[in-house]
Amino acid sequence: MFWIIIGVSAAILTTFSFVPQIARSLRTKSVKDVSPITLLQLSTGVFLWIIYGIYLKDPIIITANSVTFITLTIVLFLYFKYRRFTAK
């Protein structure tokens, strides 16, 4: 049970780690401090975690990384939407 709590806690923390970035980008309409390379690299890693979770049939890995992938996709969308306003 202890390890399930650790896994769920880690999943919650990492799953919602980009929500503040989404909120900030929407509020300021700026992505000047966002690195698209980092977002693409992390998105690829998260996608691979989803595949690995499917292989293991582990709902915690699948769910956490699926939600994280969605938030990363939103941040990437905002990056491409707002980058023209911040590029100088």
N, C-alpha and C. Protein backbone atom coordinates (compact mmCIF):
# COMPACT_ATOMS: atom_id res chain seq x y z
N MET A 1 0.82 -1.20 0.00
CA MET A 1 0.00 0.00 0.00
C MET A 1 0.86 1.26 0.00
N PHE A 2 1.97 1.24 0.74
CA PHE A 2 2.87 2.39 0.81
C PHE A 2 3.36 2.78 -0.57
N TRP A 3 3.74 1.81 -1.39
CA TRP A 3 4.28 2.11 -2.72
C TRP A 3 3.21 2.61 -3.67
N ILE A 4 1.99 2.19 -3.46
CA ILE A 4 0.89 2.72 -4.28
C ILE A 4 0.69 4.20 -3.96
N ILE A 5 0.76 4.56 -2.69
CA ILE A 5 0.64 5.97 -2.28
C ILE A 5 1.78 6.79 -2.88
N ILE A 6 2.99 6.25 -2.84
CA ILE A 6 4.14 6.94 -3.44
C ILE A 6 3.90 7.12 -4.95
N GLY A 7 3.47 6.07 -5.62
CA GLY A 7 3.23 6.13 -7.07
C GLY A 7 2.13 7.11 -7.43
N VAL A 8 1.04 7.09 -6.70
CA VAL A 8 -0.06 8.01 -6.97
C VAL A 8 0.36 9.44 -6.68
N SER A 9 1.09 9.66 -5.60
CA SER A 9 1.57 11.01 -5.27
C SER A 9 2.49 11.54 -6.36
N ALA A 10 3.42 10.71 -6.80
CA ALA A 10 4.33 11.12 -7.87
C ALA A 10 3.55 11.41 -9.15
N ALA A 11 2.58 10.57 -9.45
CA ALA A 11 1.76 10.76 -10.64
C ALA A 11 1.00 12.08 -10.59
N ILE A 12 0.41 12.40 -9.45
CA ILE A 12 -0.35 13.65 -9.31
C ILE A 12 0.57 14.86 -9.48
N LEU A 13 1.71 14.83 -8.82
CA LEU A 13 2.64 15.97 -8.91
C LEU A 13 3.14 16.19 -10.33
N THR A 14 3.54 15.14 -11.01
CA THR A 14 4.06 15.30 -12.37
C THR A 14 2.95 15.55 -13.39
N THR A 15 1.80 14.96 -13.15
CA THR A 15 0.69 15.11 -14.08
C THR A 15 0.27 16.57 -14.22
N PHE A 16 0.22 17.27 -13.12
CA PHE A 16 -0.27 18.65 -13.15
C PHE A 16 0.85 19.69 -13.11
N SER A 17 2.07 19.27 -13.39
CA SER A 17 3.21 20.19 -13.30
C SER A 17 3.17 21.30 -14.34
N PHE A 18 2.50 21.11 -15.45
CA PHE A 18 2.47 22.15 -16.48
C PHE A 18 1.21 23.00 -16.43
N VAL A 19 0.31 22.73 -15.50
CA VAL A 19 -0.90 23.55 -15.38
C VAL A 19 -0.55 25.00 -15.06
N PRO A 20 0.39 25.29 -14.15
CA PRO A 20 0.75 26.70 -13.92
C PRO A 20 1.30 27.38 -15.18
N GLN A 21 2.04 26.66 -16.00
CA GLN A 21 2.56 27.23 -17.25
C GLN A 21 1.42 27.55 -18.21
N ILE A 22 0.44 26.66 -18.28
CA ILE A 22 -0.73 26.91 -19.12
C ILE A 22 -1.45 28.17 -18.64
N ALA A 23 -1.70 28.26 -17.34
CA ALA A 23 -2.40 29.42 -16.78
C ALA A 23 -1.63 30.71 -17.05
N ARG A 24 -0.32 30.68 -16.86
CA ARG A 24 0.50 31.87 -17.08
C ARG A 24 0.50 32.27 -18.56
N SER A 25 0.63 31.29 -19.43
CA SER A 25 0.64 31.59 -20.87
C SER A 25 -0.69 32.17 -21.32
N LEU A 26 -1.78 31.64 -20.80
CA LEU A 26 -3.10 32.17 -21.16
C LEU A 26 -3.29 33.58 -20.59
N ARG A 27 -2.84 33.81 -19.37
CA ARG A 27 -2.99 35.11 -18.72
C ARG A 27 -2.16 36.19 -19.40
N THR A 28 -0.89 35.87 -19.71
CA THR A 28 0.03 36.87 -20.26
C THR A 28 0.05 36.87 -21.79
N LYS A 29 -0.49 35.81 -22.39
CA LYS A 29 -0.40 35.61 -23.84
C LYS A 29 1.05 35.69 -24.31
N SER A 30 1.93 35.12 -23.49
CA SER A 30 3.36 35.12 -23.77
C SER A 30 3.95 33.75 -23.45
N VAL A 31 4.86 33.32 -24.30
CA VAL A 31 5.57 32.06 -24.09
C VAL A 31 7.07 32.27 -24.24
N LYS A 32 7.53 33.49 -23.97
CA LYS A 32 8.93 33.82 -24.23
C LYS A 32 9.91 32.99 -23.40
N ASP A 33 9.48 32.49 -22.26
CA ASP A 33 10.38 31.69 -21.42
C ASP A 33 10.19 30.19 -21.59
N VAL A 34 9.38 29.79 -22.56
CA VAL A 34 9.11 28.37 -22.79
C VAL A 34 10.04 27.84 -23.87
N SER A 35 10.67 26.70 -23.60
CA SER A 35 11.56 26.08 -24.57
C SER A 35 10.80 24.99 -25.35
N PRO A 36 10.62 25.18 -26.66
CA PRO A 36 9.90 24.17 -27.43
C PRO A 36 10.65 22.84 -27.50
N ILE A 37 11.98 22.89 -27.48
CA ILE A 37 12.78 21.66 -27.49
C ILE A 37 12.49 20.84 -26.23
N THR A 38 12.47 21.51 -25.10
CA THR A 38 12.17 20.82 -23.84
C THR A 38 10.77 20.22 -23.87
N LEU A 39 9.81 20.97 -24.38
CA LEU A 39 8.43 20.47 -24.45
C LEU A 39 8.34 19.25 -25.37
N LEU A 40 9.00 19.31 -26.51
CA LEU A 40 8.97 18.17 -27.44
C LEU A 40 9.68 16.95 -26.85
N GLN A 41 10.81 17.17 -26.20
CA GLN A 41 11.54 16.07 -25.57
C GLN A 41 10.70 15.44 -24.47
N LEU A 42 10.13 16.26 -23.61
CA LEU A 42 9.31 15.74 -22.52
C LEU A 42 8.05 15.04 -23.05
N SER A 43 7.44 15.60 -24.09
CA SER A 43 6.26 14.97 -24.69
C SER A 43 6.59 13.59 -25.24
N THR A 44 7.73 13.47 -25.89
CA THR A 44 8.16 12.17 -26.41
C THR A 44 8.38 11.17 -25.28
N GLY A 45 9.04 11.62 -24.22
CA GLY A 45 9.26 10.75 -23.06
C GLY A 45 7.97 10.31 -22.41
N VAL A 46 7.04 11.24 -22.26
CA VAL A 46 5.74 10.92 -21.66
C VAL A 46 4.96 9.94 -22.54
N PHE A 47 5.03 10.15 -23.85
CA PHE A 47 4.36 9.23 -24.78
C PHE A 47 4.93 7.81 -24.64
N LEU A 48 6.25 7.72 -24.51
CA LEU A 48 6.88 6.41 -24.32
C LEU A 48 6.46 5.78 -22.99
N TRP A 49 6.29 6.61 -21.95
CA TRP A 49 5.79 6.10 -20.67
C TRP A 49 4.38 5.54 -20.83
N ILE A 50 3.55 6.19 -21.65
CA ILE A 50 2.20 5.67 -21.90
C ILE A 50 2.28 4.29 -22.54
N ILE A 51 3.12 4.15 -23.54
CA ILE A 51 3.28 2.85 -24.20
C ILE A 51 3.77 1.80 -23.20
N TYR A 52 4.74 2.18 -22.38
CA TYR A 52 5.26 1.27 -21.36
C TYR A 52 4.17 0.88 -20.36
N GLY A 53 3.36 1.85 -19.94
CA GLY A 53 2.26 1.58 -19.02
C GLY A 53 1.24 0.64 -19.62
N ILE A 54 0.97 0.80 -20.93
CA ILE A 54 0.05 -0.11 -21.61
C ILE A 54 0.63 -1.52 -21.61
N TYR A 55 1.92 -1.63 -21.89
CA TYR A 55 2.59 -2.94 -21.87
C TYR A 55 2.46 -3.59 -20.49
N LEU A 56 2.67 -2.79 -19.43
CA LEU A 56 2.58 -3.33 -18.07
C LEU A 56 1.14 -3.46 -17.57
N LYS A 57 0.20 -2.87 -18.32
CA LYS A 57 -1.20 -2.81 -17.89
C LYS A 57 -1.32 -2.10 -16.54
N ASP A 58 -0.59 -0.99 -16.40
CA ASP A 58 -0.56 -0.23 -15.16
C ASP A 58 -1.39 1.04 -15.30
N PRO A 59 -2.56 1.08 -14.69
CA PRO A 59 -3.44 2.24 -14.88
C PRO A 59 -2.87 3.55 -14.33
N ILE A 60 -2.04 3.48 -13.30
CA ILE A 60 -1.44 4.71 -12.76
C ILE A 60 -0.50 5.33 -13.79
N ILE A 61 0.37 4.53 -14.37
CA ILE A 61 1.31 5.03 -15.38
C ILE A 61 0.56 5.54 -16.60
N ILE A 62 -0.43 4.79 -17.04
CA ILE A 62 -1.18 5.18 -18.24
C ILE A 62 -1.94 6.48 -18.01
N THR A 63 -2.68 6.56 -16.92
CA THR A 63 -3.51 7.74 -16.65
C THR A 63 -2.67 8.98 -16.41
N ALA A 64 -1.68 8.87 -15.54
CA ALA A 64 -0.85 10.03 -15.21
C ALA A 64 -0.15 10.58 -16.45
N ASN A 65 0.42 9.71 -17.23
CA ASN A 65 1.15 10.18 -18.40
C ASN A 65 0.23 10.63 -19.52
N SER A 66 -0.96 10.09 -19.61
CA SER A 66 -1.92 10.56 -20.60
C SER A 66 -2.36 11.99 -20.29
N VAL A 67 -2.66 12.26 -19.03
CA VAL A 67 -3.04 13.62 -18.64
C VAL A 67 -1.86 14.57 -18.83
N THR A 68 -0.67 14.13 -18.46
CA THR A 68 0.53 14.96 -18.66
C THR A 68 0.72 15.26 -20.14
N PHE A 69 0.53 14.26 -20.98
CA PHE A 69 0.67 14.45 -22.43
C PHE A 69 -0.33 15.48 -22.94
N ILE A 70 -1.53 15.44 -22.42
CA ILE A 70 -2.55 16.42 -22.82
C ILE A 70 -2.12 17.83 -22.40
N THR A 71 -1.63 17.98 -21.16
CA THR A 71 -1.20 19.31 -20.73
C THR A 71 -0.01 19.80 -21.54
N LEU A 72 0.91 18.90 -21.87
CA LEU A 72 2.05 19.29 -22.71
C LEU A 72 1.59 19.69 -24.11
N THR A 73 0.60 18.99 -24.62
CA THR A 73 0.05 19.34 -25.94
C THR A 73 -0.57 20.74 -25.90
N ILE A 74 -1.26 21.06 -24.81
CA ILE A 74 -1.84 22.40 -24.66
C ILE A 74 -0.74 23.45 -24.61
N VAL A 75 0.33 23.19 -23.84
CA VAL A 75 1.44 24.15 -23.77
C VAL A 75 2.09 24.32 -25.14
N LEU A 76 2.28 23.24 -25.87
CA LEU A 76 2.84 23.35 -27.22
C LEU A 76 1.92 24.15 -28.14
N PHE A 77 0.62 23.91 -28.05
CA PHE A 77 -0.33 24.68 -28.84
C PHE A 77 -0.21 26.17 -28.51
N LEU A 78 -0.17 26.49 -27.21
CA LEU A 78 -0.04 27.88 -26.80
C LEU A 78 1.29 28.48 -27.25
N TYR A 79 2.34 27.66 -27.24
CA TYR A 79 3.64 28.14 -27.71
C TYR A 79 3.53 28.60 -29.16
N PHE A 80 2.96 27.76 -30.01
CA PHE A 80 2.87 28.12 -31.42
C PHE A 80 1.84 29.21 -31.68
N LYS A 81 0.85 29.33 -30.81
CA LYS A 81 -0.15 30.39 -30.95
C LYS A 81 0.42 31.74 -30.54
N TYR A 82 1.16 31.79 -29.41
CA TYR A 82 1.61 33.05 -28.85
C TYR A 82 3.04 33.43 -29.20
N ARG A 83 3.80 32.57 -29.81
CA ARG A 83 5.22 32.87 -30.05
C ARG A 83 5.38 34.09 -30.96
N ARG A 84 4.48 34.31 -31.86
CA ARG A 84 4.62 35.46 -32.76
C ARG A 84 4.49 36.77 -32.02
N PHE A 85 3.78 36.77 -30.88
CA PHE A 85 3.62 37.99 -30.10
C PHE A 85 4.85 38.28 -29.25
N THR A 86 5.66 37.25 -28.98
CA THR A 86 6.80 37.44 -28.10
C THR A 86 8.12 37.43 -28.85
N ALA A 87 8.12 37.04 -30.11
CA ALA A 87 9.37 37.00 -30.88
C ALA A 87 9.80 38.41 -31.24
N LYS A 88 11.03 38.71 -30.94
CA LYS A 88 11.57 40.05 -31.26
C LYS A 88 12.87 39.91 -31.98
